[in-house]
Amino acid sequence: MIRYCLTLDLKDDAALIAEYEAHHQAVWPEILASITGSGIIGMTIYRHDVRLFMIMETMDDFSFEIKAEKDAANPKVQEWEELMWKYQQSVKGALAGEKWILMTKIFEL
């Protein structure tokens, strides 16, 4: 198992944040199938103010590149991603259009 930590910001709007959280209480079944079907075995998202923090646990052979290819070919995933972008914004230093950014581990006990 490999653990990845990623970050993303939400737009600073209380109503939009509430909508975003509501969507994550009822994630579409096709999105859940896409996540688990790609080798992701666990995913948790935390929020502080507008900052999101995702912990993603994957099978050892998980590939971000393969996941991205499959997502690009999946109309339901594209629909979800377009909807989520209504609420999201890139963090400082992200490339244009880049969403979730891998974080660098700086400490472990």
Protein backbone atom coordinates (compact mmCIF):
# COMPACT_ATOMS: atom_id res chain seq x y z
CA MET A 1 0.00 0.00 0.00
CA ILE A 2 1.17 3.51 -0.84
CA ARG A 3 -0.18 6.65 0.83
CA TYR A 4 -0.40 9.95 -1.03
CA CYS A 5 -1.36 13.30 0.46
CA LEU A 6 -2.79 16.01 -1.76
CA THR A 7 -4.12 19.52 -1.29
CA LEU A 8 -6.55 21.84 -3.04
CA ASP A 9 -8.40 25.03 -2.13
CA LEU A 10 -12.08 25.82 -2.31
CA LYS A 11 -13.44 29.17 -3.37
CA ASP A 12 -13.94 31.40 -0.34
CA ASP A 13 -17.74 31.36 -0.36
CA ALA A 14 -19.69 29.77 2.51
CA ALA A 15 -22.64 28.77 0.30
CA LEU A 16 -20.37 27.11 -2.27
CA ILE A 17 -18.45 25.29 0.46
CA ALA A 18 -21.72 23.97 1.90
CA GLU A 19 -22.76 22.74 -1.56
CA TYR A 20 -19.36 21.09 -2.06
CA GLU A 21 -19.65 19.25 1.23
CA ALA A 22 -23.21 18.16 0.38
CA HIS A 23 -21.97 16.65 -2.89
CA HIS A 24 -19.42 14.67 -0.90
CA GLN A 25 -22.14 13.25 1.34
CA ALA A 26 -23.73 11.75 -1.78
CA VAL A 27 -20.91 11.01 -4.23
CA TRP A 28 -22.23 9.56 -7.46
CA PRO A 29 -21.87 5.75 -7.67
CA GLU A 30 -19.98 6.06 -10.97
CA ILE A 31 -17.37 8.23 -9.26
CA LEU A 32 -16.94 5.79 -6.40
CA ALA A 33 -16.57 2.96 -8.95
CA SER A 34 -13.95 4.98 -10.84
CA ILE A 35 -11.99 5.58 -7.64
CA THR A 36 -12.02 2.00 -6.40
CA GLY A 37 -11.55 0.59 -9.90
CA SER A 38 -8.27 2.43 -10.32
CA GLY A 39 -6.49 0.84 -7.37
CA ILE A 40 -7.40 3.39 -4.72
CA ILE A 41 -8.34 1.47 -1.58
CA GLY A 42 -8.95 4.36 0.78
CA MET A 43 -9.60 8.08 0.47
CA THR A 44 -10.32 10.68 3.12
CA ILE A 45 -10.74 14.42 2.61
CA TYR A 46 -10.42 16.96 5.43
CA ARG A 47 -11.23 20.65 5.28
CA HIS A 48 -9.97 23.66 7.21
CA ASP A 49 -11.54 26.89 6.03
CA VAL A 50 -10.94 26.79 2.25
CA ARG A 51 -8.03 24.32 2.35
CA LEU A 52 -8.70 20.66 1.54
CA PHE A 53 -6.35 17.82 2.48
CA MET A 54 -6.77 14.38 0.93
CA ILE A 55 -5.20 11.16 2.16
CA MET A 56 -5.28 8.53 -0.55
CA GLU A 57 -4.18 4.94 0.00
CA THR A 58 -3.52 2.87 -3.09
CA MET A 59 -2.41 -0.52 -4.29
CA ASP A 60 1.32 -0.69 -4.95
CA ASP A 61 0.79 -0.63 -8.73
CA PHE A 62 -1.45 2.48 -8.72
CA SER A 63 -0.60 5.03 -11.42
CA PHE A 64 -1.76 8.66 -11.54
CA GLU A 65 -1.15 8.61 -15.29
CA ILE A 66 -3.38 5.58 -15.91
CA LYS A 67 -6.06 7.02 -13.60
CA ALA A 68 -5.97 10.30 -15.56
CA GLU A 69 -6.31 8.44 -18.88
CA LYS A 70 -9.29 6.45 -17.62
CA ASP A 71 -10.90 9.58 -16.16
CA ALA A 72 -10.46 11.48 -19.43
CA ALA A 73 -12.35 8.69 -21.24
CA ASN A 74 -15.17 8.51 -18.67
CA PRO A 75 -17.99 11.02 -19.38
CA LYS A 76 -19.43 10.72 -15.87
CA VAL A 77 -16.06 11.47 -14.27
CA GLN A 78 -15.67 14.46 -16.59
CA GLU A 79 -19.14 15.69 -15.60
CA TRP A 80 -18.25 15.35 -11.89
CA GLU A 81 -14.92 17.11 -12.34
CA GLU A 82 -16.56 19.98 -14.21
CA LEU A 83 -19.15 20.32 -11.43
CA MET A 84 -16.46 20.23 -8.70
CA TRP A 85 -14.42 22.93 -10.44
CA LYS A 86 -17.32 25.29 -9.69
CA TYR A 87 -16.23 25.07 -6.03
CA GLN A 88 -12.48 24.54 -6.34
CA GLN A 89 -9.46 26.70 -7.10
CA SER A 90 -5.82 25.83 -7.53
CA VAL A 91 -3.33 26.31 -4.74
CA LYS A 92 -0.38 28.67 -5.11
CA GLY A 93 2.22 27.19 -7.41
CA ALA A 94 -0.14 24.88 -9.32
CA LEU A 95 0.09 24.74 -13.08
CA ALA A 96 -2.83 26.09 -15.12
CA GLY A 97 -5.84 23.80 -14.74
CA GLU A 98 -4.08 21.65 -12.13
CA LYS A 99 -6.32 20.65 -9.24
CA TRP A 100 -5.16 18.34 -6.49
CA ILE A 101 -1.43 18.81 -5.81
CA LEU A 102 0.78 16.14 -4.26
CA MET A 103 2.24 17.23 -0.96
CA THR A 104 5.79 16.51 0.18
CA LYS A 105 6.24 14.57 3.40
CA ILE A 106 8.50 16.51 5.75
CA PHE A 107 8.11 14.49 8.97
CA GLU A 108 7.09 11.03 10.13
CA LEU A 109 7.09 9.49 13.60
